[in-house]
Amino acid sequence: MRRVFAVISAILPAVAVACVYAPEAAPPAPAPVGALSAPAAPAARHVSLTATLPHAPSEGLPPEVLDPIIEGTPLKLDLTLLPPLTPSLRQPDGTYALAEACDFGVVEAGAVSLPTGSWHMLINAELGSPSANPASLLSCEYDASRMTEDSPGARWRLRGCFLPQAVSIPTAMLWSLSPLPASACGIGD
């Protein structure tokens, strides 16, 4: 009997210390023997977004078609701009100027600023170099349905794999898109 008390008295200080430092939450209940647990859903590797703007803006709010963009999650983007929306291209001096003409084809640009049809959301995309970021491409494409006496029937298209970062600016949100390798968006897998 003395031996039992000696063991208990030796264990009590350790139990007291464990109670003081143990978390307050109760440990999770063990799963019943033989129970199967559902596997955890894998985290999204990237978000795929195909959209056309302008897209029925409501009271100047940001277009809902851009809602899937998640900050910090690779974005596989295929975004088409229809008239009257026109992108701005970064000039050698760092300023941006509206793309004046469409020569139908790939547009050489290091960065592009895209209007969304809302004053409350802007998109700036760095395209990177073609050798390092082959998935990133800005093009001006022919669209016969858009041809009029005043327009040759052009639409702008931005495709690529980007890392979106949200930047809050007065009265608006700016999505800053940095180029990622194509593999980050499952391109070429």
Foldseek 3Di string as FASTA:
>chain_A
DVVVVVVVVVCVVVVVVCVVPPDPDDDDDDDPPPDDDDDDDDDDLAAEAEEEPPDPDDPQDFDPSPVVDDAQHKYFYKYKYDPPWFKWAQDPVRDTDTDDDAPFFWDDGQKIKTDHSHPAEIEIEGQPDCVQWVQWTKHKHAAVVQDDPVDRRIMIITGGIWRWDWDDDVNHIYTYTYHDHRVSVPPPD
